[in-house]
Protein backbone atom coordinates (compact mmCIF):
# COMPACT_ATOMS: atom_id res chain seq x y z
CA MET A 1 -21.09 -78.20 -45.95
CA PRO A 2 -25.15 -78.03 -47.42
CA LYS A 3 -27.68 -80.67 -47.89
CA ARG A 4 -27.81 -81.92 -51.49
CA LYS A 5 -30.55 -83.86 -53.34
CA ALA A 6 -30.74 -85.42 -56.30
CA TRP A 7 -33.83 -86.51 -58.76
CA GLN A 8 -34.21 -87.64 -62.03
CA GLY A 9 -31.34 -85.55 -63.38
CA HIS A 10 -32.10 -82.27 -61.05
CA ALA A 11 -29.31 -81.99 -59.20
CA GLY A 12 -28.32 -78.86 -56.11
CA GLU A 13 -28.68 -77.61 -52.91
CA ALA A 14 -31.79 -78.29 -50.80
CA LEU A 15 -32.79 -75.07 -49.16
CA ASP A 16 -36.90 -76.02 -48.36
CA THR A 17 -38.78 -79.14 -46.97
CA VAL A 18 -42.90 -78.67 -47.38
CA ASP A 19 -45.01 -81.68 -47.12
CA GLN A 20 -42.89 -84.48 -49.44
CA PHE A 21 -41.62 -81.38 -51.82
CA THR A 22 -37.87 -79.93 -51.64
CA VAL A 23 -36.55 -76.86 -53.07
CA ILE A 24 -33.12 -77.45 -54.55
CA ASP A 25 -31.31 -74.98 -56.57
CA CYS A 26 -30.61 -76.76 -60.00
CA ASP A 27 -27.23 -77.08 -60.89
CA ALA A 28 -28.94 -78.50 -64.90
CA CYS A 29 -31.92 -76.26 -64.66
CA ARG A 30 -30.05 -72.74 -63.34
CA PHE A 31 -32.89 -72.03 -61.34
CA LYS A 32 -34.52 -73.19 -58.55
CA HIS A 33 -37.49 -75.62 -58.22
CA ILE A 34 -39.12 -78.39 -55.92
CA VAL A 35 -38.69 -82.24 -56.28
CA PRO A 36 -39.96 -83.98 -57.16
CA ILE A 37 -41.85 -82.43 -60.18
CA PRO A 38 -45.08 -82.68 -59.95
CA THR A 39 -46.20 -84.49 -63.55
CA PRO A 40 -48.41 -82.83 -66.16
CA ALA A 41 -51.33 -84.58 -66.00
CA GLU A 42 -51.44 -83.73 -61.84
CA LEU A 43 -50.75 -80.31 -62.61
CA GLU A 44 -54.09 -80.29 -65.53
CA HIS A 45 -56.11 -81.93 -62.83
CA THR A 46 -55.53 -79.07 -60.28
CA TYR A 47 -55.56 -75.80 -62.70
CA GLY A 48 -58.58 -77.37 -64.54
CA HIS A 49 -60.86 -78.18 -62.06
CA GLU A 50 -59.73 -77.34 -58.13
CA TYR A 51 -57.61 -73.84 -58.54
CA TYR A 52 -60.01 -71.03 -58.40
CA SER A 53 -62.99 -72.93 -56.56
CA THR A 54 -60.50 -74.13 -54.10
CA THR A 55 -56.94 -72.47 -53.32
CA LYS A 56 -58.28 -69.24 -54.95
CA PRO A 57 -62.04 -69.26 -54.52
CA LEU A 58 -61.83 -65.25 -54.89
CA TYR A 59 -59.63 -64.33 -57.65
CA ILE A 60 -61.81 -63.28 -60.17
CA GLU A 61 -63.37 -61.86 -57.65
CA ARG A 62 -60.51 -59.37 -56.41
CA ASP A 63 -59.24 -59.19 -59.65
CA LEU A 64 -62.82 -57.05 -60.25
CA GLU A 65 -62.08 -54.92 -57.51
CA ASP A 66 -58.71 -54.68 -58.28
CA ARG A 67 -59.82 -53.13 -62.23
CA ASP A 68 -58.95 -49.29 -61.95
CA TRP A 69 -55.35 -50.27 -60.51
CA LEU A 70 -55.27 -53.18 -62.68
CA ASN A 71 -55.66 -50.86 -65.81
CA LEU A 72 -52.58 -49.06 -64.89
CA VAL A 73 -50.43 -51.90 -64.84
CA TYR A 74 -51.96 -53.12 -67.91
CA SER A 75 -51.67 -49.74 -69.66
CA GLU A 76 -48.03 -49.84 -68.99
CA ARG A 77 -47.11 -52.51 -70.41
CA TYR A 78 -48.94 -52.22 -73.67
CA ASP A 79 -47.26 -49.08 -73.88
CA ALA A 80 -43.72 -50.96 -73.09
CA PHE A 81 -45.44 -53.72 -75.98
CA GLU A 82 -46.57 -50.71 -78.84
CA ARG A 83 -43.43 -48.42 -78.20
CA LEU A 84 -41.09 -51.85 -78.61
CA LEU A 85 -43.13 -52.96 -81.79
CA GLY A 86 -43.65 -49.55 -83.53
CA LEU A 87 -47.19 -49.70 -85.01
CA LYS A 88 -48.12 -52.05 -86.92
CA ARG A 89 -48.03 -54.78 -84.78
CA ARG A 90 -50.44 -55.61 -83.01
CA ARG A 91 -51.54 -59.00 -82.02
CA LEU A 92 -51.24 -60.65 -78.75
CA LEU A 93 -51.49 -64.00 -77.10
CA ASP A 94 -52.03 -64.48 -72.98
CA VAL A 95 -50.76 -67.63 -71.81
CA GLY A 96 -53.17 -67.74 -68.67
CA SER A 97 -55.48 -65.59 -68.71
CA GLY A 98 -57.37 -65.74 -65.85
CA PRO A 99 -60.32 -63.50 -65.63
CA GLY A 100 -59.98 -62.64 -69.00
CA LEU A 101 -58.75 -58.22 -67.81
CA PHE A 102 -55.51 -58.78 -69.45
CA LEU A 103 -57.29 -59.10 -73.19
CA ARG A 104 -60.03 -56.69 -72.54
CA HIS A 105 -57.78 -53.90 -71.91
CA GLY A 106 -56.43 -54.93 -75.15
CA VAL A 107 -59.85 -54.75 -77.03
CA GLU A 108 -60.84 -51.27 -75.46
CA ARG A 109 -57.84 -49.86 -76.04
CA GLY A 110 -57.97 -50.20 -79.47
CA GLY A 111 -56.14 -52.05 -82.18
CA TRP A 112 -54.99 -55.35 -80.53
CA LYS A 113 -56.02 -58.64 -81.74
CA VAL A 114 -55.85 -60.67 -78.68
CA LYS A 115 -56.43 -64.14 -77.94
CA GLY A 116 -56.37 -66.36 -74.52
CA LEU A 117 -55.49 -70.09 -72.73
CA GLU A 118 -55.87 -70.34 -70.02
CA PRO A 119 -57.50 -74.31 -68.40
CA SER A 120 -59.79 -73.38 -65.43
CA THR A 121 -63.11 -73.83 -66.10
CA GLN A 122 -64.33 -70.58 -64.15
CA ALA A 123 -62.45 -67.63 -65.64
CA VAL A 124 -62.85 -69.06 -68.96
CA ALA A 125 -66.88 -68.93 -68.39
CA HIS A 126 -65.98 -66.03 -67.13
CA SER A 127 -64.19 -64.30 -69.95
CA HIS A 128 -66.04 -65.94 -72.66
CA THR A 129 -69.35 -63.55 -70.61
CA ILE A 130 -67.04 -60.32 -71.55
CA GLY A 131 -67.23 -61.40 -75.28
CA LEU A 132 -63.21 -62.84 -75.18
CA ASP A 133 -61.78 -64.89 -77.28
CA VAL A 134 -60.21 -67.49 -74.33
CA THR A 135 -59.73 -71.24 -75.40
CA GLN A 136 -59.90 -73.41 -72.54
CA ALA A 137 -55.96 -75.23 -72.59
CA PHE A 138 -53.05 -75.30 -71.79
CA LEU A 139 -50.54 -74.31 -74.02
CA ASN A 140 -48.05 -76.72 -75.22
CA GLU A 141 -47.07 -78.31 -78.58
CA GLU A 142 -49.92 -79.80 -79.51
CA THR A 143 -51.80 -76.85 -78.72
CA ALA A 144 -49.66 -74.06 -80.09
CA ALA A 145 -49.74 -76.24 -83.13
CA ALA A 146 -52.86 -74.46 -84.32
CA LEU A 147 -52.34 -71.04 -82.37
CA GLY A 148 -50.93 -69.22 -85.28
CA ARG A 149 -48.96 -66.51 -84.56
CA PHE A 150 -48.14 -63.49 -82.50
CA ASP A 151 -45.86 -60.40 -82.08
CA VAL A 152 -46.17 -60.70 -77.95
CA VAL A 153 -46.70 -63.51 -75.93
CA HIS A 154 -47.83 -62.35 -72.52
CA LEU A 155 -46.60 -64.86 -69.44
CA SER A 156 -47.80 -63.29 -65.84
CA GLU A 157 -47.95 -65.15 -62.78
CA VAL A 158 -47.56 -68.55 -65.59
CA LEU A 159 -43.47 -70.21 -65.40
CA GLU A 160 -44.08 -70.45 -61.83
CA HIS A 161 -46.91 -73.05 -62.74
CA VAL A 162 -45.59 -75.21 -65.02
CA PRO A 163 -42.97 -78.97 -64.41
CA ASP A 164 -40.79 -77.35 -68.19
CA PRO A 165 -40.85 -73.39 -68.19
CA LEU A 166 -37.51 -74.15 -70.36
CA GLY A 167 -39.86 -75.75 -73.04
CA MET A 168 -42.58 -73.42 -72.69
CA VAL A 169 -40.52 -70.81 -73.62
CA LYS A 170 -39.67 -73.09 -76.11
CA ILE A 171 -42.81 -73.16 -77.64
CA ALA A 172 -43.47 -69.13 -76.78
CA HIS A 173 -40.73 -68.56 -79.26
CA GLY A 174 -41.85 -70.31 -81.87
CA LEU A 175 -44.76 -68.83 -81.51
CA LEU A 176 -43.75 -65.16 -82.11
CA ASP A 177 -42.31 -63.71 -85.70
CA PRO A 178 -38.89 -62.52 -85.71
CA GLY A 179 -38.53 -59.59 -83.63
CA GLY A 180 -41.86 -60.40 -81.65
CA LEU A 181 -41.81 -59.69 -77.16
CA LEU A 182 -41.94 -62.36 -74.76
CA ALA A 183 -43.70 -60.78 -71.55
CA VAL A 184 -42.99 -62.31 -68.07
CA MET A 185 -44.18 -62.10 -64.86
CA VAL A 186 -42.71 -64.44 -62.37
CA PRO A 187 -42.83 -64.02 -58.08
CA ASN A 188 -39.49 -62.90 -57.36
CA ASP A 189 -38.62 -65.43 -54.75
CA TYR A 190 -35.72 -66.04 -52.20
CA SER A 191 -35.16 -62.24 -52.63
CA PRO A 192 -32.76 -59.97 -50.07
CA ILE A 193 -35.71 -59.04 -48.31
CA GLN A 194 -37.39 -62.67 -48.13
CA SER A 195 -33.93 -63.42 -46.25
CA ALA A 196 -33.28 -60.85 -43.83
CA LEU A 197 -37.09 -61.86 -42.98
CA ARG A 198 -35.64 -65.13 -42.20
CA ASP A 199 -32.36 -64.77 -40.83
CA GLY A 200 -33.44 -61.52 -39.54
CA CYS A 201 -37.00 -61.95 -37.87
CA GLY A 202 -37.44 -65.42 -37.57
CA PHE A 203 -39.35 -65.99 -40.71
CA SER A 204 -40.91 -69.26 -42.21
CA PRO A 205 -39.64 -69.52 -46.09
CA TRP A 206 -43.75 -68.82 -46.83
CA TRP A 207 -43.64 -67.79 -50.11
CA VAL A 208 -42.49 -72.24 -51.27
CA ALA A 209 -46.02 -72.95 -51.45
CA PRO A 210 -45.40 -76.74 -53.77
CA PRO A 211 -47.01 -78.31 -55.46
CA HIS A 212 -48.98 -74.91 -56.77
CA HIS A 213 -45.33 -73.41 -57.08
CA VAL A 214 -42.49 -75.55 -59.13
CA ASN A 215 -40.85 -72.74 -60.24
CA TYR A 216 -39.27 -70.15 -57.63
CA PHE A 217 -37.34 -67.76 -59.58
CA ASP A 218 -35.62 -64.33 -59.16
CA VAL A 219 -34.78 -61.27 -60.81
CA PRO A 220 -30.99 -63.34 -62.70
CA SER A 221 -32.05 -66.55 -62.77
CA ILE A 222 -35.22 -65.90 -64.98
CA GLN A 223 -33.36 -64.12 -67.22
CA ARG A 224 -31.46 -67.49 -67.49
CA VAL A 225 -34.58 -68.94 -68.50
CA LEU A 226 -34.84 -66.26 -71.42
CA LYS A 227 -31.56 -65.88 -73.07
CA PRO A 228 -30.75 -68.86 -75.14
CA ARG A 229 -33.53 -67.89 -77.40
CA PHE A 230 -34.23 -63.74 -75.99
CA ASP A 231 -32.27 -60.67 -76.08
CA VAL A 232 -33.62 -59.14 -72.53
CA VAL A 233 -35.23 -55.75 -73.41
CA SER A 234 -36.66 -54.40 -70.61
CA VAL A 235 -35.92 -55.73 -66.49
CA ASP A 236 -38.22 -54.12 -64.14
CA THR A 237 -39.82 -55.79 -60.19
CA SER A 238 -43.21 -54.70 -58.33
CA PHE A 239 -43.63 -53.13 -55.20
CA PRO A 240 -41.52 -54.80 -52.60
CA ILE A 241 -45.03 -55.76 -50.39
CA ASP A 242 -43.03 -57.75 -48.44
CA LEU A 243 -41.71 -54.29 -46.86
CA PHE A 244 -44.72 -54.41 -44.92
CA LEU A 245 -43.69 -57.89 -42.74
CA LEU A 246 -40.27 -55.74 -41.71
CA MET A 247 -42.51 -52.89 -40.49
CA GLY A 248 -44.29 -55.35 -38.73
CA ASP A 249 -47.51 -55.93 -40.24
CA ASN A 250 -47.31 -59.76 -40.52
CA TYR A 251 -49.83 -60.62 -43.23
CA VAL A 252 -48.37 -63.83 -43.72
CA GLY A 253 -51.63 -65.87 -42.85
CA ASN A 254 -53.48 -63.02 -42.59
CA ASP A 255 -55.90 -62.24 -45.74
CA ALA A 256 -57.60 -59.43 -44.13
CA LEU A 257 -54.05 -57.27 -43.67
CA GLY A 258 -52.56 -58.59 -46.73
CA ARG A 259 -55.73 -57.33 -48.55
CA ALA A 260 -54.86 -54.20 -46.18
CA CYS A 261 -51.60 -53.77 -47.35
CA HIS A 262 -52.15 -54.80 -50.86
CA ALA A 263 -54.89 -51.68 -50.79
CA LYS A 264 -51.47 -48.69 -49.56
CA ARG A 265 -49.48 -50.09 -52.66
CA LYS A 266 -52.31 -49.04 -54.45
CA THR A 267 -52.89 -46.26 -53.18
CA MET A 268 -50.10 -45.41 -53.52
CA GLU A 269 -49.16 -45.48 -57.39
CA LEU A 270 -52.98 -44.57 -58.47
CA HIS A 271 -51.92 -41.39 -56.53
CA LEU A 272 -48.54 -41.29 -58.47
CA ALA A 273 -50.23 -41.81 -61.50
CA ARG A 274 -53.36 -38.77 -61.10
CA ALA A 275 -50.02 -36.93 -60.38
CA GLY A 276 -48.40 -37.49 -63.86
CA LYS A 277 -45.49 -40.20 -62.15
CA SER A 278 -46.33 -42.94 -63.28
CA GLY A 279 -42.26 -42.52 -64.66
CA LEU A 280 -41.07 -42.13 -61.47
CA LYS A 281 -42.57 -44.88 -60.30
CA GLN A 282 -41.64 -46.97 -62.90
CA ALA A 283 -37.92 -45.66 -62.84
CA MET A 284 -38.03 -46.20 -59.17
CA TYR A 285 -39.49 -50.33 -59.51
CA ARG A 286 -36.03 -50.53 -62.52
CA SER A 287 -33.79 -49.08 -59.42
CA LEU A 288 -35.25 -51.94 -57.09
CA ALA A 289 -34.57 -54.56 -59.93
CA GLN A 290 -31.12 -54.41 -59.99
CA LEU A 291 -30.81 -55.01 -55.68
CA GLY A 292 -33.03 -57.38 -57.19
CA VAL A 293 -35.41 -56.31 -54.71
CA GLY A 294 -39.84 -55.92 -55.29
CA ARG A 295 -42.44 -59.15 -54.86
CA ASP A 296 -42.79 -59.83 -58.90
CA VAL A 297 -40.24 -59.81 -61.90
CA PHE A 298 -41.53 -58.23 -64.52
CA VAL A 299 -38.95 -59.17 -67.98
CA ILE A 300 -40.12 -57.79 -71.90
CA ALA A 301 -37.46 -59.71 -74.10
CA ARG A 302 -37.52 -59.69 -78.26
CA ARG A 303 -37.12 -62.96 -80.32
CA ARG A 304 -33.98 -63.74 -81.37
CA GLY A 305 -33.86 -65.45 -85.00
CA GLY A 306 -34.47 -65.22 -88.23
CA ARG A 307 -36.84 -68.09 -89.20
CA ARG A 308 -39.75 -69.14 -86.76
CA ALA A 309 -38.49 -72.33 -84.35
CA ARG A 310 -39.14 -75.41 -84.60
CA ARG A 311 -41.75 -76.52 -81.54
CA SER A 312 -39.89 -79.41 -79.37
CA GLY A 313 -40.02 -79.07 -75.73
CA GLY A 314 -38.27 -80.60 -72.94
CA LYS A 315 -36.40 -79.56 -69.42
């Protein structure tokens, strides 16, 4: 019988333990997360002061290195927003905006009014050097009250880090005008490929990274998080980089090899774009999403309801 673990109203099958944290498949939340869950104050200290200097010291530099490829990714996202919103809806909030490249893409594209929230001192400073409107803050009820209204709220690589993703989705709903879009990207964890690597190749669960990663979503569970308040419009996954592991290129713990594998992925996608075949790539990744395969899941969902939601969080 599978081992279970309970903590402060959360209970479920215990999947993995790293340090003092255990990943459970939570019956109440209907997605996987660690217990104990770090407090908001603990996470604010980590992401406000430590994340870019200790955990990911090369994050900003590597985003700049990847700029051509990222511009391709970002262009496809803005294309989708414009197609779904029509001509006049162009207000976007990027939560966890990092060094600001996604926001800058919107500015350079033209017609978009963009705003960022970012907890990291270093990332905010970089954003200001390129002229972006970015506030150093976490998204919560207090900060949301001063933000106004938007047509798009972009949460890319955010929900896996927060103690209350359901509450954050509720706040995002309240920031959107009727028919507005929530765009969410999260790692696709406990995926079929990861299971194959674990069961067939003896890999340990390298994707479990507490306390920085609190929540572990897959293609079905991230949709469950959104569906109480949103209608899901599209579900895509990104290139399944962990295929390299199945082919013998073990980049886990090998940063240089990991960057080399990532470079091959970038090259493939840029070549397809230059050949006018980005639509083929998108169709391929959308098909992989139906199988639960891909390193990240990207979901666009439309705000349901004709009135602005009242803001009240809580998991």
